[in-house]
Amino acid sequence: MPQIIALDWGTTSLRAWCLDEGGNVLHFRSGGDGITQISDHNFENELYRMVGEWMDQYPEAILMACGMIGSRNGWSEVPYALCPAGKKELVDGLEVLPLKGGRSLYLIPGVCLDESLRTDIMRGEETQIIGALKGWREGVAVLPGTHCKWAKVKDGEITSFSTYLTGELFAAIKKATLIGTMVHESIDMAAFTQSVERAISGDAG
């Protein structure tokens, strides 16, 4: 029996999962509208369009969402949890939104890094990272995407992280530059691997 209806609600897309009490995925849906595609901020309609059937089928399941839906441009702005942050900080920062019919939606806060020399933020990635930390003591989590995140984790917490505009820069170069005309769908994995190895070695500068 599903215990949680989990939503990853970002800028351009919405994905949803039904999870049992052990975190196992029972159902999955994708293809929902991100926050920039929803007119008049009518997020509740999109929520019901996407998972209303699940909500009717599983009236006891908790509704929980992470990502840009909790930003100032989303449904309701949820203050960031300060880094270092783990499960406790995310739970303490949850915001509860009442829905039609007496249900509630829990919005998960993002995480803010505020150091003397730099500030950085994430929304959505913190939930993925914390969810992946079971069995980890220390390491680095890498989340590719439009704004790629590299996060240091230790003892169940995100201790530091950096954002790189890798995906956005690639999209801009591919669309608006001469070198972009040479980018094709197929990937030469040998050349890609060699480039990564050179970058890691430091020989590339």
C-alpha atoms as a PDB file:
ATOM      1  CA  MET A   1       0.000   0.000   0.000  1.00  0.00           C
ATOM      2  CA  PRO A   2       1.487   3.396  -0.996  1.00  0.00           C
ATOM      3  CA  GLN A   3       2.502   5.592   1.930  1.00  0.00           C
ATOM      4  CA  ILE A   4       3.837   8.603  -0.006  1.00  0.00           C
ATOM      5  CA  ILE A   5       2.998  10.254  -3.312  1.00  0.00           C
ATOM      6  CA  ALA A   6       6.315  11.929  -4.105  1.00  0.00           C
ATOM      7  CA  LEU A   7       6.683  14.754  -6.627  1.00  0.00           C
ATOM      8  CA  ASP A   8       9.830  16.132  -8.233  1.00  0.00           C
ATOM      9  CA  TRP A   9       8.425  19.418  -9.518  1.00  0.00           C
ATOM     10  CA  GLY A  10      10.963  21.503 -11.366  1.00  0.00           C
ATOM     11  CA  THR A  11      11.154  24.416 -13.753  1.00  0.00           C
ATOM     12  CA  THR A  12      10.328  22.456 -16.901  1.00  0.00           C
ATOM     13  CA  SER A  13       8.887  19.123 -15.776  1.00  0.00           C
ATOM     14  CA  LEU A  14       6.935  17.224 -13.128  1.00  0.00           C
ATOM     15  CA  ARG A  15       7.517  13.587 -12.217  1.00  0.00           C
ATOM     16  CA  ALA A  16       5.635  11.539  -9.630  1.00  0.00           C
ATOM     17  CA  TRP A  17       6.102   8.286  -7.737  1.00  0.00           C
ATOM     18  CA  CYS A  18       3.966   6.173  -5.395  1.00  0.00           C
ATOM     19  CA  LEU A  19       6.226   4.774  -2.670  1.00  0.00           C
ATOM     20  CA  ASP A  20       5.519   2.106  -0.054  1.00  0.00           C
ATOM     21  CA  GLU A  21       6.696   2.348   3.560  1.00  0.00           C
ATOM     22  CA  GLY A  22      10.078   0.885   2.582  1.00  0.00           C
ATOM     23  CA  GLY A  23      10.630   3.486  -0.159  1.00  0.00           C
ATOM     24  CA  ASN A  24       9.993   1.015  -2.979  1.00  0.00           C
ATOM     25  CA  VAL A  25       8.478   2.448  -6.165  1.00  0.00           C
ATOM     26  CA  LEU A  26       5.013   1.065  -6.857  1.00  0.00           C
ATOM     27  CA  HIS A  27       3.959   3.475  -9.622  1.00  0.00           C
ATOM     28  CA  PHE A  28       5.690   6.171 -11.675  1.00  0.00           C
ATOM     29  CA  ARG A  29       4.496   8.944 -13.970  1.00  0.00           C
ATOM     30  CA  SER A  30       6.316  11.638 -15.939  1.00  0.00           C
ATOM     31  CA  GLY A  31       5.408  14.321 -18.419  1.00  0.00           C
ATOM     32  CA  GLY A  32       3.777  16.820 -16.081  1.00  0.00           C
ATOM     33  CA  ASP A  33       4.204  20.562 -16.570  1.00  0.00           C
ATOM     34  CA  GLY A  34       7.002  22.420 -14.800  1.00  0.00           C
ATOM     35  CA  ILE A  35       6.316  25.668 -12.969  1.00  0.00           C
ATOM     36  CA  THR A  36       7.127  27.894 -15.968  1.00  0.00           C
ATOM     37  CA  GLN A  37       4.536  26.097 -18.113  1.00  0.00           C
ATOM     38  CA  ILE A  38       1.585  26.599 -15.776  1.00  0.00           C
ATOM     39  CA  SER A  39      -0.481  29.706 -16.474  1.00  0.00           C
ATOM     40  CA  ASP A  40      -1.892  31.816 -13.643  1.00  0.00           C
ATOM     41  CA  HIS A  41       0.077  29.736 -11.097  1.00  0.00           C
ATOM     42  CA  ASN A  42      -2.764  27.198 -11.078  1.00  0.00           C
ATOM     43  CA  PHE A  43      -0.538  24.505  -9.588  1.00  0.00           C
ATOM     44  CA  GLU A  44      -3.341  22.646  -7.835  1.00  0.00           C
ATOM     45  CA  ASN A  45      -5.034  21.814 -11.151  1.00  0.00           C
ATOM     46  CA  GLU A  46      -1.783  20.374 -12.485  1.00  0.00           C
ATOM     47  CA  LEU A  47      -1.321  18.370  -9.279  1.00  0.00           C
ATOM     48  CA  TYR A  48      -4.766  16.789  -9.649  1.00  0.00           C
ATOM     49  CA  ARG A  49      -4.273  16.227 -13.372  1.00  0.00           C
ATOM     50  CA  MET A  50      -1.039  14.400 -12.680  1.00  0.00           C
ATOM     51  CA  VAL A  51      -1.799  12.389  -9.544  1.00  0.00           C
ATOM     52  CA  GLY A  52      -5.491  12.953  -8.759  1.00  0.00           C
ATOM     53  CA  GLU A  53      -6.237   9.311  -9.567  1.00  0.00           C
ATOM     54  CA  TRP A  54      -3.625   8.191  -7.039  1.00  0.00           C
ATOM     55  CA  MET A  55      -4.969  10.645  -4.461  1.00  0.00           C
ATOM     56  CA  ASP A  56      -8.459   9.128  -4.822  1.00  0.00           C
ATOM     57  CA  GLN A  57      -7.118   5.580  -4.785  1.00  0.00           C
ATOM     58  CA  TYR A  58      -4.836   6.110  -1.772  1.00  0.00           C
ATOM     59  CA  PRO A  59      -6.549   8.638   0.529  1.00  0.00           C
ATOM     60  CA  GLU A  60      -4.088   8.014   3.404  1.00  0.00           C
ATOM     61  CA  ALA A  61      -0.925   8.597   1.348  1.00  0.00           C
ATOM     62  CA  ILE A  62       1.146  11.655   2.225  1.00  0.00           C
ATOM     63  CA  LEU A  63       1.723  14.145  -0.616  1.00  0.00           C
ATOM     64  CA  MET A  64       5.269  15.513  -0.714  1.00  0.00           C
ATOM     65  CA  ALA A  65       7.050  17.692  -3.316  1.00  0.00           C
ATOM     66  CA  CYS A  66      10.609  18.908  -3.830  1.00  0.00           C
ATOM     67  CA  GLY A  67      12.135  21.215  -6.420  1.00  0.00           C
ATOM     68  CA  MET A  68      11.319  24.643  -7.812  1.00  0.00           C
ATOM     69  CA  ILE A  69       7.684  24.305  -6.804  1.00  0.00           C
ATOM     70  CA  GLY A  70       8.940  25.583  -3.429  1.00  0.00           C
ATOM     71  CA  SER A  71      10.688  28.639  -4.914  1.00  0.00           C
ATOM     72  CA  ARG A  72       9.458  32.237  -5.116  1.00  0.00           C
ATOM     73  CA  ASN A  73       8.239  31.460  -8.650  1.00  0.00           C
ATOM     74  CA  GLY A  74       6.484  28.284  -7.518  1.00  0.00           C
ATOM     75  CA  TRP A  75       3.432  27.503  -5.427  1.00  0.00           C
ATOM     76  CA  SER A  76       4.819  28.883  -2.178  1.00  0.00           C
ATOM     77  CA  GLU A  77       8.347  29.991  -1.303  1.00  0.00           C
ATOM     78  CA  VAL A  78       9.896  27.719   1.324  1.00  0.00           C
ATOM     79  CA  PRO A  79      12.951  29.103   3.153  1.00  0.00           C
ATOM     80  CA  TYR A  80      16.199  27.272   2.473  1.00  0.00           C
ATOM     81  CA  ALA A  81      17.730  24.985   5.078  1.00  0.00           C
ATOM     82  CA  LEU A  82      21.276  26.097   5.856  1.00  0.00           C
ATOM     83  CA  CYS A  83      24.197  23.853   4.935  1.00  0.00           C
ATOM     84  CA  PRO A  84      25.291  21.502   6.481  1.00  0.00           C
ATOM     85  CA  ALA A  85      21.876  19.901   6.124  1.00  0.00           C
ATOM     86  CA  GLY A  86      20.513  16.397   6.495  1.00  0.00           C
ATOM     87  CA  LYS A  87      17.138  14.764   6.991  1.00  0.00           C
ATOM     88  CA  LYS A  88      16.417  16.628  10.230  1.00  0.00           C
ATOM     89  CA  GLU A  89      16.947  20.068   8.655  1.00  0.00           C
ATOM     90  CA  LEU A  90      14.735  19.187   5.683  1.00  0.00           C
ATOM     91  CA  VAL A  91      11.965  17.856   7.920  1.00  0.00           C
ATOM     92  CA  ASP A  92      12.188  20.897  10.199  1.00  0.00           C
ATOM     93  CA  GLY A  93      11.811  23.170   7.166  1.00  0.00           C
ATOM     94  CA  LEU A  94       8.770  21.484   5.618  1.00  0.00           C
ATOM     95  CA  GLU A  95       5.917  23.786   4.637  1.00  0.00           C
ATOM     96  CA  VAL A  96       2.363  22.437   4.639  1.00  0.00           C
ATOM     97  CA  LEU A  97      -0.082  23.626   1.970  1.00  0.00           C
ATOM     98  CA  PRO A  98      -3.800  22.860   2.414  1.00  0.00           C
ATOM     99  CA  LEU A  99      -5.536  21.382  -0.628  1.00  0.00           C
ATOM    100  CA  LYS A 100      -9.135  20.982  -1.677  1.00  0.00           C
ATOM    101  CA  GLY A 101     -10.869  18.091   0.027  1.00  0.00           C
ATOM    102  CA  GLY A 102      -8.880  18.305   3.235  1.00  0.00           C
ATOM    103  CA  ARG A 103      -5.589  16.914   1.923  1.00  0.00           C
ATOM    104  CA  SER A 104      -2.229  18.657   2.414  1.00  0.00           C
ATOM    105  CA  LEU A 105       0.910  18.960   0.310  1.00  0.00           C
ATOM    106  CA  TYR A 106       4.287  19.039   2.062  1.00  0.00           C
ATOM    107  CA  LEU A 107       6.903  21.198   0.322  1.00  0.00           C
ATOM    108  CA  ILE A 108      10.534  20.256   1.005  1.00  0.00           C
ATOM    109  CA  PRO A 109      12.988  23.160   1.465  1.00  0.00           C
ATOM    110  CA  GLY A 110      16.040  23.595  -0.686  1.00  0.00           C
ATOM    111  CA  VAL A 111      19.516  23.996   0.802  1.00  0.00           C
ATOM    112  CA  CYS A 112      21.608  27.166   0.954  1.00  0.00           C
ATOM    113  CA  LEU A 113      25.392  27.284   1.303  1.00  0.00           C
ATOM    114  CA  ASP A 114      26.483  30.585   2.854  1.00  0.00           C
ATOM    115  CA  GLU A 115      30.242  30.870   3.301  1.00  0.00           C
ATOM    116  CA  SER A 116      32.470  33.905   3.645  1.00  0.00           C
ATOM    117  CA  LEU A 117      33.608  33.767   0.006  1.00  0.00           C
ATOM    118  CA  ARG A 118      30.592  32.322  -1.805  1.00  0.00           C
ATOM    119  CA  THR A 119      26.908  31.493  -1.657  1.00  0.00           C
ATOM    120  CA  ASP A 120      25.124  28.696  -3.519  1.00  0.00           C
ATOM    121  CA  ILE A 121      21.640  27.163  -3.559  1.00  0.00           C
ATOM    122  CA  MET A 122      19.828  24.012  -4.634  1.00  0.00           C
ATOM    123  CA  ARG A 123      16.164  22.998  -4.815  1.00  0.00           C
ATOM    124  CA  GLY A 124      15.284  19.382  -5.489  1.00  0.00           C
ATOM    125  CA  GLU A 125      18.812  18.005  -5.622  1.00  0.00           C
ATOM    126  CA  GLU A 126      18.990  17.929  -1.803  1.00  0.00           C
ATOM    127  CA  THR A 127      16.144  15.398  -1.710  1.00  0.00           C
ATOM    128  CA  GLN A 128      17.828  13.178  -4.289  1.00  0.00           C
ATOM    129  CA  ILE A 129      21.146  13.341  -2.432  1.00  0.00           C
ATOM    130  CA  ILE A 130      19.693  12.624   1.015  1.00  0.00           C
ATOM    131  CA  GLY A 131      17.685   9.779  -0.507  1.00  0.00           C
ATOM    132  CA  ALA A 132      20.875   8.255  -1.936  1.00  0.00           C
ATOM    133  CA  LEU A 133      22.921   8.530   1.275  1.00  0.00           C
ATOM    134  CA  LYS A 134      21.872   5.254   2.888  1.00  0.00           C
ATOM    135  CA  GLY A 135      25.052   3.312   3.581  1.00  0.00           C
ATOM    136  CA  TRP A 136      27.335   6.264   2.745  1.00  0.00           C
ATOM    137  CA  ARG A 137      29.641   7.732   5.345  1.00  0.00           C
ATOM    138  CA  GLU A 138      31.510  10.206   3.193  1.00  0.00           C
ATOM    139  CA  GLY A 139      31.807  11.033  -0.495  1.00  0.00           C
ATOM    140  CA  VAL A 140      30.848  13.304  -3.385  1.00  0.00           C
ATOM    141  CA  ALA A 141      27.464  13.254  -5.118  1.00  0.00           C
ATOM    142  CA  VAL A 142      27.376  14.480  -8.726  1.00  0.00           C
ATOM    143  CA  LEU A 143      24.049  15.444 -10.284  1.00  0.00           C
ATOM    144  CA  PRO A 144      24.326  16.244 -14.016  1.00  0.00           C
ATOM    145  CA  GLY A 145      21.776  18.572 -15.522  1.00  0.00           C
ATOM    146  CA  THR A 146      21.152  22.110 -16.708  1.00  0.00           C
ATOM    147  CA  HIS A 147      22.851  23.377 -13.547  1.00  0.00           C
ATOM    148  CA  CYS A 148      25.093  20.489 -12.485  1.00  0.00           C
ATOM    149  CA  LYS A 149      25.682  20.054  -8.741  1.00  0.00           C
ATOM    150  CA  TRP A 150      28.762  18.572  -7.032  1.00  0.00           C
ATOM    151  CA  ALA A 151      28.000  18.007  -3.358  1.00  0.00           C
ATOM    152  CA  LYS A 152      30.227  16.819  -0.514  1.00  0.00           C
ATOM    153  CA  VAL A 153      28.376  14.546   1.888  1.00  0.00           C
ATOM    154  CA  LYS A 154      29.391  13.207   5.290  1.00  0.00           C
ATOM    155  CA  ASP A 155      27.525  11.295   7.993  1.00  0.00           C
ATOM    156  CA  GLY A 156      24.142  11.787   6.359  1.00  0.00           C
ATOM    157  CA  GLU A 157      24.517  15.498   5.663  1.00  0.00           C
ATOM    158  CA  ILE A 158      25.283  17.733   2.693  1.00  0.00           C
ATOM    159  CA  THR A 159      28.310  19.617   3.996  1.00  0.00           C
ATOM    160  CA  SER A 160      29.189  21.710   0.918  1.00  0.00           C
ATOM    161  CA  PHE A 161      28.309  21.960  -2.761  1.00  0.00           C
ATOM    162  CA  SER A 162      29.015  23.858  -5.978  1.00  0.00           C
ATOM    163  CA  THR A 163      26.897  24.611  -9.040  1.00  0.00           C
ATOM    164  CA  TYR A 164      28.233  24.457 -12.607  1.00  0.00           C
ATOM    165  CA  LEU A 165      26.246  25.690 -15.618  1.00  0.00           C
ATOM    166  CA  THR A 166      27.441  22.756 -17.718  1.00  0.00           C
ATOM    167  CA  GLY A 167      24.114  21.800 -19.258  1.00  0.00           C
ATOM    168  CA  GLU A 168      22.991  25.357 -19.932  1.00  0.00           C
ATOM    169  CA  LEU A 169      26.323  26.270 -21.537  1.00  0.00           C
ATOM    170  CA  PHE A 170      26.209  23.136 -23.698  1.00  0.00           C
ATOM    171  CA  ALA A 171      22.692  23.996 -24.879  1.00  0.00           C
ATOM    172  CA  ALA A 172      23.720  27.581 -25.699  1.00  0.00           C
ATOM    173  CA  ILE A 173      26.861  26.483 -27.564  1.00  0.00           C
ATOM    174  CA  LYS A 174      24.988  23.806 -29.505  1.00  0.00           C
ATOM    175  CA  LYS A 175      22.290  26.256 -30.575  1.00  0.00           C
ATOM    176  CA  ALA A 176      24.153  29.514 -31.190  1.00  0.00           C
ATOM    177  CA  THR A 177      27.757  28.836 -32.211  1.00  0.00           C
ATOM    178  CA  LEU A 178      29.720  27.468 -35.136  1.00  0.00           C
ATOM    179  CA  ILE A 179      31.123  24.593 -33.088  1.00  0.00           C
ATOM    180  CA  GLY A 180      27.550  23.638 -32.284  1.00  0.00           C
ATOM    181  CA  THR A 181      26.992  22.604 -35.888  1.00  0.00           C
ATOM    182  CA  MET A 182      29.479  19.767 -35.292  1.00  0.00           C
ATOM    183  CA  VAL A 183      27.523  18.356 -32.351  1.00  0.00           C
ATOM    184  CA  HIS A 184      25.554  15.261 -33.301  1.00  0.00           C
ATOM    185  CA  GLU A 185      23.389  12.761 -31.458  1.00  0.00           C
ATOM    186  CA  SER A 186      25.902   9.905 -31.498  1.00  0.00           C
ATOM    187  CA  ILE A 187      28.698   9.903 -28.895  1.00  0.00           C
ATOM    188  CA  ASP A 188      32.249   8.691 -29.383  1.00  0.00           C
ATOM    189  CA  MET A 189      32.693   7.123 -25.936  1.00  0.00           C
ATOM    190  CA  ALA A 190      36.422   6.525 -26.422  1.00  0.00           C
ATOM    191  CA  ALA A 191      37.025  10.219 -27.155  1.00  0.00           C
ATOM    192  CA  PHE A 192      34.733  11.258 -24.314  1.00  0.00           C
ATOM    193  CA  THR A 193      36.508   8.984 -21.830  1.00  0.00           C
ATOM    194  CA  GLN A 194      39.906  10.231 -22.968  1.00  0.00           C
ATOM    195  CA  SER A 195      38.792  13.850 -22.489  1.00  0.00           C
ATOM    196  CA  VAL A 196      37.499  13.152 -18.975  1.00  0.00           C
ATOM    197  CA  GLU A 197      40.729  11.358 -18.031  1.00  0.00           C
ATOM    198  CA  ARG A 198      42.811  14.302 -19.256  1.00  0.00           C
ATOM    199  CA  ALA A 199      40.633  16.768 -17.352  1.00  0.00           C
ATOM    200  CA  ILE A 200      40.917  14.747 -14.121  1.00  0.00           C
ATOM    201  CA  SER A 201      44.683  14.392 -14.489  1.00  0.00           C
ATOM    202  CA  GLY A 202      45.128  18.142 -14.532  1.00  0.00           C
ATOM    203  CA  ASP A 203      47.292  18.016 -17.669  1.00  0.00           C
ATOM    204  CA  ALA A 204      44.640  19.972 -19.568  1.00  0.00           C
ATOM    205  CA  GLY A 205      45.086  22.986 -17.305  1.00  0.00           C
END
